[in-house]
Amino acid sequence: MSGYAVLCAGFDSPFQSEGTSFGLALGGKVYLSGSTGRLWEWNGASSTMVLVADAGPTFKTDLCVFGGVIYGAGNNGTLYRWNAATPSVSKGGTGAWVAVASVGGDRLFSVGVYAGTLYVGSGDLGRLYRLVGSSLNVVLPILAEQVIHYLLSVGIKFYSPTAYRAKLYEWDGSVLGWRDVIATAEYLGQTEIATIAKDSVDSIYAGTRPDGYLFKWNGTNDWTKLADRPAGITGHVHSVLHYANQIYILYSSGGVAKYDIHTGILTTLVSEISYGGFTSMLELDGKIFVAGKNGLYRIYEYVSPAEAEVEGGDVKLLYGMEYFDTAISDGDFVREPGLETAVVISLFTNARADATDILPDNSNSREGWWGDREIGSKLWLLQRSKTQAEVAEQARQYAELALAWMVEDGIAKSLTITVAITSYDTIWITIQIQMPEGDPVFFKYFYNWTNQLYGRI
């Protein structure tokens, strides 16, 4: 594997689960909705997603932004709009879903924007609806197809893949209707195009069911197969996303891969994310996220030695739940081009306790590394502490003391450390290092003092 996944924001109750989730980014925040129909918001910094809209009468099958507002397609044939100012039933004042328009005898399955107008695809009758005022008007049928899985605006045309047959339809907004640009009823044994995406030059990419292939439309009348599903990953393709000349691919098992448009190389980033229910990916501030039934995951990628080699640089560390390990690629250590390895060692090495320090469980061990007892922090002394404001302040002081050497040695101009309690025994430590020149750099870690678990956020 060439990467790993970290749950960066769970739902604000440990008992919440969204089944399959759909996500989008808006205004520097991430929003998720899924089989319960609720809407959750992540502010990009906290460890939880906050409920901002109750379920309503149905679950939402797709989300989109239109006119700066979030819309959701309802399984009951109703199109909903999120109104942040309307009090919700269970989370008073946080917002609610408001019904905009409905159709009878049909499910709504996808929603998208084309030529400044909101369109909705159906899940039973294969129709395309246009939002006009408070009505959804039928614009186009899709022949024998029943499910419009996705709606994608590319240039001056609208595209839709279909369920049950690996086909692609194109509409130019005219009365002539859909054009069947890929008429093949089945391509390479693939019975469904589950999702499509476009790159920076408007080429269309598709993921398939059941075998998890990556296709590219040739621009005229057929698909071109680009890649098989990687070894070690199971399931079909749930989502494809273009970012920075890469096509990121999410599989139903929770596996994630990326395809380099220029080199044609497919790389496995994550073989499987536990808990399942993954249906969509999104990009926010250059970071790739996966929406899951228990929250939002961030995808991290390892850096090769050639990419990260810096003369005199530290060895890069990988993050587990109970340890850090050295990163190795192609038989060599991966180098860290910045300060993070130094920060990690300073924070999570157990510093030598003073004679006046109270040791956890009345232990006689004062810890400390035999090679240099000045290295590390005293965060480990919090192991049996309670969740109180003074504990957070003590953790901040421990972290500040552990990193003070950076200012003393002239590596940093100043340090700003904040600590937030996110559960009864877990804190988030945010570190801002102002360099002597240039912009500040930021690092964020969680630390569970009861079980001595830690890692990067």
Protein backbone atom coordinates (compact mmCIF):
# COMPACT_ATOMS: atom_id res chain seq x y z
CA MET A 1 0.00 0.00 0.00
CA SER A 2 1.07 3.58 -0.63
CA GLY A 3 -1.19 5.31 1.86
CA TYR A 4 -3.51 4.98 4.82
CA ALA A 5 -6.85 6.28 6.10
CA VAL A 6 -7.64 8.10 9.35
CA LEU A 7 -11.10 8.80 10.78
CA CYS A 8 -10.85 12.57 11.16
CA ALA A 9 -14.45 13.28 12.20
CA GLY A 10 -17.04 10.89 13.61
CA PHE A 11 -20.70 11.72 14.18
CA ASP A 12 -21.47 13.59 17.40
CA SER A 13 -22.99 10.48 18.97
CA PRO A 14 -21.14 7.13 19.10
CA PHE A 15 -24.43 5.38 18.36
CA GLN A 16 -25.05 7.18 15.08
CA SER A 17 -24.56 5.39 11.79
CA GLU A 18 -25.41 6.64 8.34
CA GLY A 19 -25.27 3.40 6.39
CA THR A 20 -24.08 4.65 3.03
CA SER A 21 -23.03 8.30 2.99
CA PHE A 22 -22.77 11.02 0.35
CA GLY A 23 -20.55 14.02 0.87
CA LEU A 24 -19.74 17.43 -0.57
CA ALA A 25 -17.63 20.45 0.35
CA LEU A 26 -19.11 23.93 0.69
CA GLY A 27 -17.65 27.09 2.21
CA GLY A 28 -14.65 25.33 3.73
CA LYS A 29 -16.87 22.74 5.43
CA VAL A 30 -17.86 19.16 4.63
CA TYR A 31 -21.45 17.92 4.63
CA LEU A 32 -22.56 14.26 4.72
CA SER A 33 -25.93 12.62 4.35
CA GLY A 34 -26.95 9.01 3.85
CA SER A 35 -29.50 6.31 4.46
CA THR A 36 -30.96 7.99 7.56
CA GLY A 37 -31.52 11.23 5.65
CA ARG A 38 -29.80 13.36 8.29
CA LEU A 39 -27.32 16.06 7.32
CA TRP A 40 -24.02 16.38 9.17
CA GLU A 41 -21.50 19.21 9.09
CA TRP A 42 -17.74 19.20 9.73
CA ASN A 43 -15.96 22.51 10.23
CA GLY A 44 -12.57 21.17 9.11
CA ALA A 45 -11.04 21.25 12.58
CA SER A 46 -13.14 19.46 15.22
CA SER A 47 -13.14 15.71 15.84
CA THR A 48 -16.87 15.31 15.32
CA MET A 49 -19.50 16.02 12.70
CA VAL A 50 -22.47 17.98 14.02
CA LEU A 51 -26.06 17.15 13.12
CA VAL A 52 -27.53 20.12 11.24
CA ALA A 53 -30.71 18.58 9.81
CA ASP A 54 -32.97 15.78 10.98
CA ALA A 55 -33.83 12.80 8.86
CA GLY A 56 -37.21 13.96 7.61
CA PRO A 57 -39.51 11.43 5.92
CA THR A 58 -36.87 9.73 3.75
CA PHE A 59 -33.20 9.20 3.13
CA LYS A 60 -31.25 11.29 0.63
CA THR A 61 -29.79 9.47 -2.38
CA ASP A 62 -27.59 12.32 -3.64
CA LEU A 63 -26.50 15.86 -2.74
CA CYS A 64 -25.49 18.91 -4.76
CA VAL A 65 -24.97 22.65 -4.34
CA PHE A 66 -27.18 25.03 -6.31
CA GLY A 67 -27.09 28.77 -5.75
CA GLY A 68 -24.91 28.28 -2.69
CA VAL A 69 -27.53 26.01 -1.06
CA ILE A 70 -27.42 22.23 -0.46
CA TYR A 71 -30.12 20.16 -2.16
CA GLY A 72 -30.88 16.50 -1.53
CA ALA A 73 -32.72 14.00 -3.73
CA GLY A 74 -35.24 12.02 -1.69
CA ASN A 75 -36.06 8.35 -2.06
CA ASN A 76 -39.74 9.27 -1.64
CA GLY A 77 -39.83 11.39 -4.80
CA THR A 78 -39.27 14.72 -3.04
CA LEU A 79 -36.48 17.22 -3.60
CA TYR A 80 -35.25 18.86 -0.40
CA ARG A 81 -33.28 22.01 0.38
CA TRP A 82 -31.26 22.55 3.54
CA ASN A 83 -32.32 25.70 5.34
CA ALA A 84 -29.71 26.58 7.96
CA ALA A 85 -32.04 29.10 9.61
CA THR A 86 -34.98 26.74 10.20
CA PRO A 87 -34.98 25.06 13.64
CA SER A 88 -34.76 21.29 13.47
CA VAL A 89 -36.78 18.95 15.67
CA SER A 90 -33.99 17.42 17.74
CA LYS A 91 -31.20 19.98 17.41
CA GLY A 92 -33.14 23.24 17.81
CA GLY A 93 -31.81 26.07 15.71
CA THR A 94 -29.27 24.07 13.71
CA GLY A 95 -31.19 23.82 10.46
CA ALA A 96 -33.60 21.48 8.70
CA TRP A 97 -34.54 19.89 5.39
CA VAL A 98 -37.33 21.77 3.62
CA ALA A 99 -39.41 20.11 0.89
CA VAL A 100 -39.08 21.98 -2.42
CA ALA A 101 -40.96 19.86 -4.97
CA SER A 102 -42.29 16.31 -5.40
CA VAL A 103 -43.16 13.82 -8.10
CA GLY A 104 -45.60 10.96 -7.80
CA GLY A 105 -44.79 7.31 -8.33
CA ASP A 106 -41.05 7.77 -8.77
CA ARG A 107 -37.93 7.85 -6.60
CA LEU A 108 -35.34 10.58 -6.99
CA PHE A 109 -31.84 9.17 -7.34
CA SER A 110 -29.45 11.89 -8.54
CA VAL A 111 -29.25 15.65 -8.65
CA GLY A 112 -27.05 18.01 -10.67
CA VAL A 113 -26.76 21.49 -12.17
CA TYR A 114 -26.66 22.22 -15.91
CA ALA A 115 -26.77 25.61 -17.62
CA GLY A 116 -27.76 27.35 -14.40
CA THR A 117 -30.72 25.05 -13.73
CA LEU A 118 -31.21 22.23 -11.21
CA TYR A 119 -32.06 18.79 -12.63
CA VAL A 120 -33.01 15.56 -10.87
CA GLY A 121 -32.69 12.00 -12.18
CA SER A 122 -35.23 9.35 -11.23
CA GLY A 123 -34.66 5.92 -9.75
CA ASP A 124 -37.64 4.05 -11.19
CA LEU A 125 -38.91 5.56 -14.43
CA GLY A 126 -35.66 6.78 -15.98
CA ARG A 127 -36.86 10.37 -16.22
CA LEU A 128 -34.97 13.63 -16.05
CA TYR A 129 -36.77 16.37 -14.12
CA ARG A 130 -36.14 20.12 -14.19
CA LEU A 131 -36.82 22.30 -11.14
CA VAL A 132 -39.11 25.17 -12.13
CA GLY A 133 -40.28 27.20 -9.14
CA SER A 134 -41.81 24.67 -6.77
CA SER A 135 -42.38 22.00 -9.42
CA LEU A 136 -40.32 19.20 -10.94
CA ASN A 137 -41.19 19.02 -14.64
CA VAL A 138 -40.38 16.01 -16.79
CA VAL A 139 -37.81 16.96 -19.40
CA LEU A 140 -36.62 13.67 -20.86
CA PRO A 141 -37.22 9.95 -20.54
CA ILE A 142 -34.22 7.62 -20.83
CA LEU A 143 -35.58 4.92 -23.09
CA ALA A 144 -35.60 1.55 -21.38
CA GLU A 145 -33.22 2.57 -18.60
CA GLN A 146 -34.74 2.87 -15.14
CA VAL A 147 -32.10 4.47 -12.93
CA ILE A 148 -30.18 7.67 -13.66
CA HIS A 149 -27.24 7.01 -11.40
CA TYR A 150 -25.40 10.27 -11.81
CA LEU A 151 -25.67 13.66 -13.52
CA LEU A 152 -22.52 15.39 -14.77
CA SER A 153 -22.26 18.71 -16.55
CA VAL A 154 -19.37 18.83 -19.03
CA GLY A 155 -18.99 21.98 -21.10
CA ILE A 156 -22.35 22.70 -22.71
CA LYS A 157 -23.65 19.14 -22.37
CA PHE A 158 -25.14 16.92 -19.66
CA TYR A 159 -24.08 13.29 -19.21
CA SER A 160 -25.64 10.39 -17.38
CA PRO A 161 -24.48 6.79 -16.88
CA THR A 162 -27.16 4.22 -16.27
CA ALA A 163 -27.76 1.25 -14.04
CA TYR A 164 -28.11 -2.32 -15.31
CA ARG A 165 -26.32 -1.61 -18.60
CA ALA A 166 -22.88 0.02 -19.02
CA LYS A 167 -24.17 2.88 -21.15
CA LEU A 168 -23.68 6.63 -21.33
CA TYR A 169 -26.19 9.25 -22.47
CA GLU A 170 -25.52 12.81 -23.63
CA TRP A 171 -27.90 15.77 -23.78
CA ASP A 172 -27.15 19.15 -25.32
CA GLY A 173 -30.24 20.85 -23.90
CA SER A 174 -32.20 20.58 -27.13
CA VAL A 175 -35.62 19.06 -27.78
CA LEU A 176 -33.91 16.14 -29.50
CA GLY A 177 -33.40 14.55 -26.10
CA TRP A 178 -30.78 12.10 -24.91
CA ARG A 179 -28.21 10.75 -27.36
CA ASP A 180 -27.06 7.22 -26.67
CA VAL A 181 -23.31 7.81 -27.12
CA ILE A 182 -22.42 4.33 -25.91
CA ALA A 183 -25.01 1.90 -27.16
CA THR A 184 -23.25 -1.25 -25.97
CA ALA A 185 -25.64 -3.10 -23.70
CA GLU A 186 -22.71 -4.60 -21.82
CA TYR A 187 -19.01 -3.81 -22.03
CA LEU A 188 -16.36 -6.35 -20.95
CA GLY A 189 -18.94 -8.04 -18.75
CA GLN A 190 -19.68 -4.83 -16.84
CA THR A 191 -23.38 -4.42 -16.19
CA GLU A 192 -23.35 -0.98 -14.62
CA ILE A 193 -21.55 2.36 -14.72
CA ALA A 194 -21.90 3.38 -11.10
CA THR A 195 -20.22 6.79 -11.24
CA ILE A 196 -18.47 9.21 -13.59
CA ALA A 197 -16.14 12.19 -13.24
CA LYS A 198 -14.42 14.68 -15.53
CA ASP A 199 -10.82 15.89 -15.56
CA SER A 200 -9.42 19.37 -16.25
CA VAL A 201 -9.84 18.95 -20.02
CA ASP A 202 -13.38 17.54 -19.74
CA SER A 203 -12.51 13.90 -20.44
CA ILE A 204 -15.01 11.54 -18.79
CA TYR A 205 -13.93 8.66 -16.54
CA ALA A 206 -16.17 5.90 -15.18
CA GLY A 207 -16.10 3.16 -12.57
CA THR A 208 -17.89 -0.13 -13.12
CA ARG A 209 -19.83 -2.89 -11.45
CA PRO A 210 -19.20 -5.76 -10.79
CA ASP A 211 -15.46 -5.98 -11.50
CA GLY A 212 -14.27 -2.52 -10.49
CA TYR A 213 -12.76 -1.42 -13.82
CA LEU A 214 -11.77 2.15 -14.62
CA PHE A 215 -13.02 3.32 -18.03
CA LYS A 216 -12.49 6.45 -20.10
CA TRP A 217 -14.92 7.60 -22.75
CA ASN A 218 -13.22 7.94 -26.12
CA GLY A 219 -15.28 11.02 -26.91
CA THR A 220 -17.32 9.38 -29.65
CA ASN A 221 -18.98 6.03 -29.15
CA ASP A 222 -17.22 3.69 -26.75
CA TRP A 223 -15.37 3.13 -23.49
CA THR A 224 -11.63 2.51 -23.24
CA LYS A 225 -10.54 0.34 -20.37
CA LEU A 226 -7.73 2.00 -18.40
CA ALA A 227 -7.24 -0.26 -15.39
CA ASP A 228 -8.43 -3.38 -13.62
CA ARG A 229 -9.28 -3.38 -9.96
CA PRO A 230 -5.95 -3.54 -8.06
CA ALA A 231 -4.82 -6.78 -6.45
CA GLY A 232 -5.74 -6.85 -2.77
CA ILE A 233 -8.88 -4.74 -3.22
CA THR A 234 -12.35 -6.25 -3.55
CA GLY A 235 -15.71 -4.91 -4.65
CA HIS A 236 -17.01 -2.65 -7.40
CA VAL A 237 -16.33 1.05 -7.92
CA HIS A 238 -18.49 3.36 -5.82
CA SER A 239 -16.95 6.72 -6.69
CA VAL A 240 -14.33 8.37 -8.91
CA LEU A 241 -12.81 11.79 -8.28
CA HIS A 242 -10.39 13.90 -10.31
CA TYR A 243 -7.79 16.01 -8.53
CA ALA A 244 -4.31 17.19 -9.58
CA ASN A 245 -4.03 14.90 -12.63
CA GLN A 246 -5.05 11.85 -10.61
CA ILE A 247 -8.25 9.85 -10.74
CA TYR A 248 -9.04 8.66 -7.22
CA ILE A 249 -11.14 5.49 -7.10
CA LEU A 250 -13.25 4.34 -4.15
CA TYR A 251 -14.34 0.69 -4.08
CA SER A 252 -17.30 -0.80 -2.23
CA SER A 253 -14.95 -2.59 0.18
CA GLY A 254 -13.51 0.73 1.32
CA GLY A 255 -10.38 0.31 -0.76
CA VAL A 256 -8.93 3.42 -2.39
CA ALA A 257 -6.59 3.66 -5.41
CA LYS A 258 -5.38 6.42 -7.70
CA TYR A 259 -4.73 6.41 -11.43
CA ASP A 260 -2.13 8.81 -12.82
CA ILE A 261 -3.57 10.35 -16.00
CA HIS A 262 -0.13 11.06 -17.46
CA THR A 263 1.74 7.83 -16.64
CA GLY A 264 -1.16 5.36 -16.64
CA ILE A 265 0.05 3.93 -13.31
CA LEU A 266 -2.57 2.63 -10.86
CA THR A 267 -1.50 2.77 -7.21
CA THR A 268 -3.27 1.24 -4.22
CA LEU A 269 -3.54 3.75 -1.39
CA VAL A 270 -5.73 1.79 1.05
CA SER A 271 -6.70 -1.87 0.67
CA GLU A 272 -9.75 -1.56 2.92
CA ILE A 273 -11.25 0.87 5.40
CA SER A 274 -13.17 -0.90 8.16
CA TYR A 275 -16.89 -0.39 8.90
CA GLY A 276 -18.01 -0.19 5.24
CA GLY A 277 -20.77 1.97 3.83
CA PHE A 278 -18.48 4.07 1.65
CA THR A 279 -20.05 5.65 -1.41
CA SER A 280 -18.41 8.98 -2.15
CA MET A 281 -15.17 10.97 -2.11
CA LEU A 282 -14.50 14.67 -2.02
CA GLU A 283 -11.60 17.11 -2.06
CA LEU A 284 -11.18 20.00 0.37
CA ASP A 285 -8.12 22.25 0.51
CA GLY A 286 -6.06 19.74 -1.46
CA LYS A 287 -6.98 16.82 0.82
CA ILE A 288 -8.92 13.72 -0.20
CA PHE A 289 -11.76 12.51 2.04
CA VAL A 290 -14.02 9.45 2.00
CA ALA A 291 -17.56 9.54 3.38
CA GLY A 292 -18.43 6.50 5.48
CA LYS A 293 -21.27 5.28 7.63
CA ASN A 294 -19.47 6.23 10.84
CA GLY A 295 -17.91 9.51 9.75
CA LEU A 296 -15.39 11.18 7.49
CA TYR A 297 -12.02 9.63 6.64
CA ARG A 298 -8.99 11.42 5.28
CA ILE A 299 -6.71 9.60 2.85
CA TYR A 300 -2.98 10.08 3.39
CA GLU A 301 -0.33 9.15 0.83
CA TYR A 302 3.23 8.06 1.54
CA VAL A 303 5.98 10.00 -0.15
CA SER A 304 8.80 8.25 -2.00
CA PRO A 305 12.42 8.90 -1.01
CA ALA A 306 13.01 10.70 -4.32
CA GLU A 307 10.11 13.05 -3.64
CA ALA A 308 10.91 13.74 -0.02
CA GLU A 309 14.71 13.50 0.10
CA VAL A 310 16.19 16.48 1.88
CA GLU A 311 19.83 16.72 2.82
CA GLY A 312 19.98 16.20 6.58
CA GLY A 313 16.21 15.55 6.73
CA ASP A 314 14.70 13.33 9.41
CA VAL A 315 13.33 9.88 8.72
CA LYS A 316 9.58 10.06 8.05
CA LEU A 317 7.31 8.34 10.58
CA LEU A 318 4.11 6.39 9.95
CA TYR A 319 1.22 6.58 12.36
CA GLY A 320 -0.45 3.66 14.13
CA MET A 321 -2.86 3.74 17.05
CA GLU A 322 -0.23 2.73 19.59
CA TYR A 323 3.08 3.43 17.92
CA PHE A 324 5.03 5.29 15.26
CA ASP A 325 7.17 3.42 12.75
CA THR A 326 9.76 4.42 10.18
CA ALA A 327 8.62 4.78 6.57
CA ILE A 328 10.51 2.64 4.08
CA SER A 329 10.12 2.59 0.30
CA ASP A 330 12.18 0.70 -2.25
CA GLY A 331 14.55 -0.50 0.47
CA ASP A 332 15.39 3.00 1.71
CA PHE A 333 14.15 5.31 4.44
CA VAL A 334 11.64 7.94 3.36
CA ARG A 335 12.85 11.40 4.36
CA GLU A 336 10.71 14.05 6.04
CA PRO A 337 11.13 17.41 4.30
CA GLY A 338 9.74 19.39 7.25
CA LEU A 339 9.59 19.38 11.04
CA GLU A 340 6.98 16.74 11.72
CA THR A 341 9.32 13.92 12.77
CA ALA A 342 10.96 16.26 15.27
CA VAL A 343 7.54 17.31 16.57
CA VAL A 344 6.35 13.71 16.94
CA ILE A 345 9.47 12.58 18.81
CA SER A 346 9.29 15.60 21.08
CA LEU A 347 5.61 15.07 21.92
CA PHE A 348 5.25 11.32 22.16
CA THR A 349 8.56 10.19 23.62
CA ASN A 350 8.10 9.79 27.37
CA ALA A 351 10.25 12.41 29.06
CA ARG A 352 11.93 11.70 32.39
CA ALA A 353 9.61 12.58 35.29
CA ASP A 354 10.94 14.80 38.04
CA ALA A 355 11.11 13.60 41.61
CA THR A 356 8.15 15.87 42.46
CA ASP A 357 5.89 14.54 39.68
CA ILE A 358 3.01 12.23 40.64
CA LEU A 359 3.39 8.99 38.70
CA PRO A 360 0.36 7.13 37.26
CA ASP A 361 -0.90 4.30 39.50
CA ASN A 362 1.84 5.09 42.04
CA SER A 363 4.35 3.51 39.67
CA ASN A 364 8.03 3.66 40.51
CA SER A 365 9.00 4.13 36.86
CA ARG A 366 9.98 7.69 35.93
CA GLU A 367 10.39 6.74 32.26
CA GLY A 368 12.72 8.75 30.00
CA TRP A 369 14.98 7.65 27.16
CA TRP A 370 18.40 6.47 28.29
CA GLY A 371 20.06 8.17 25.30
CA ASP A 372 18.87 11.66 26.23
CA ARG A 373 16.52 12.17 29.17
CA GLU A 374 15.78 15.72 28.06
CA ILE A 375 13.92 14.48 24.97
CA GLY A 376 10.16 14.01 25.05
CA SER A 377 7.12 15.27 26.93
CA LYS A 378 5.32 14.44 30.16
CA LEU A 379 1.99 13.75 28.47
CA TRP A 380 2.27 10.19 29.75
CA LEU A 381 1.76 11.49 33.30
CA LEU A 382 -1.88 12.26 32.38
CA GLN A 383 -2.70 8.56 32.04
CA ARG A 384 -5.14 8.41 34.99
CA SER A 385 -6.39 11.99 34.81
CA LYS A 386 -10.02 13.10 34.62
CA THR A 387 -11.55 15.28 31.94
CA GLN A 388 -11.19 18.70 33.51
CA ALA A 389 -10.13 22.08 32.20
CA GLU A 390 -6.93 21.94 34.22
CA VAL A 391 -5.98 18.68 32.51
CA ALA A 392 -6.16 20.37 29.10
CA GLU A 393 -4.05 23.24 30.40
CA GLN A 394 -1.52 20.79 31.88
CA ALA A 395 -1.31 18.98 28.53
CA ARG A 396 -0.74 22.30 26.76
CA GLN A 397 2.10 23.14 29.16
CA TYR A 398 3.68 19.70 28.68
CA ALA A 399 3.55 20.09 24.90
CA GLU A 400 4.93 23.64 25.03
CA LEU A 401 7.82 22.54 27.24
CA ALA A 402 8.59 19.57 24.97
CA LEU A 403 8.82 21.79 21.87
CA ALA A 404 10.52 24.79 23.45
CA TRP A 405 13.90 23.68 22.11
CA MET A 406 12.79 24.68 18.60
CA VAL A 407 12.64 28.34 19.61
CA GLU A 408 15.80 28.09 21.71
CA ASP A 409 17.75 26.60 18.78
CA GLY A 410 16.43 29.19 16.33
CA ILE A 411 14.47 26.67 14.24
CA ALA A 412 11.20 28.45 15.04
CA LYS A 413 10.42 32.07 15.82
CA SER A 414 7.47 31.21 18.06
CA LEU A 415 5.10 28.40 19.05
CA THR A 416 1.34 28.48 19.61
CA ILE A 417 -0.20 25.34 21.11
CA THR A 418 -3.88 24.74 21.77
CA VAL A 419 -5.45 21.69 23.40
CA ALA A 420 -9.13 20.70 23.14
CA ILE A 421 -10.84 17.86 24.99
CA THR A 422 -12.87 15.83 22.49
CA SER A 423 -14.09 13.00 24.76
CA TYR A 424 -13.74 11.91 28.35
CA ASP A 425 -10.15 10.74 27.83
CA THR A 426 -9.01 12.18 24.48
CA ILE A 427 -7.50 15.52 23.55
CA TRP A 428 -6.56 17.18 20.29
CA ILE A 429 -3.25 19.01 20.25
CA THR A 430 -2.86 21.70 17.59
CA ILE A 431 0.60 23.16 17.05
CA GLN A 432 1.40 26.31 15.08
CA ILE A 433 5.08 26.90 14.41
CA GLN A 434 6.02 30.32 13.12
CA MET A 435 9.20 29.91 11.10
CA PRO A 436 11.90 32.62 11.07
CA GLU A 437 10.81 33.33 7.51
CA GLY A 438 7.66 32.54 5.57
CA ASP A 439 4.26 31.22 6.63
CA PRO A 440 3.58 29.25 9.81
CA VAL A 441 3.25 25.44 9.68
CA PHE A 442 0.56 23.49 11.49
CA PHE A 443 0.35 19.99 13.00
CA LYS A 444 -2.54 18.31 14.76
CA TYR A 445 -2.62 15.08 16.80
CA PHE A 446 -5.05 13.19 18.98
CA TYR A 447 -3.93 11.71 22.30
CA ASN A 448 -5.96 9.24 24.35
CA TRP A 449 -4.26 9.30 27.73
CA THR A 450 -6.18 6.40 29.29
CA ASN A 451 -5.02 3.85 26.71
CA GLN A 452 -1.93 5.72 25.53
CA LEU A 453 -3.18 5.92 21.93
CA TYR A 454 -2.10 8.71 19.62
CA GLY A 455 -1.82 9.66 15.99
CA ARG A 456 -2.03 12.34 13.39
CA ILE A 457 -5.24 14.10 12.42
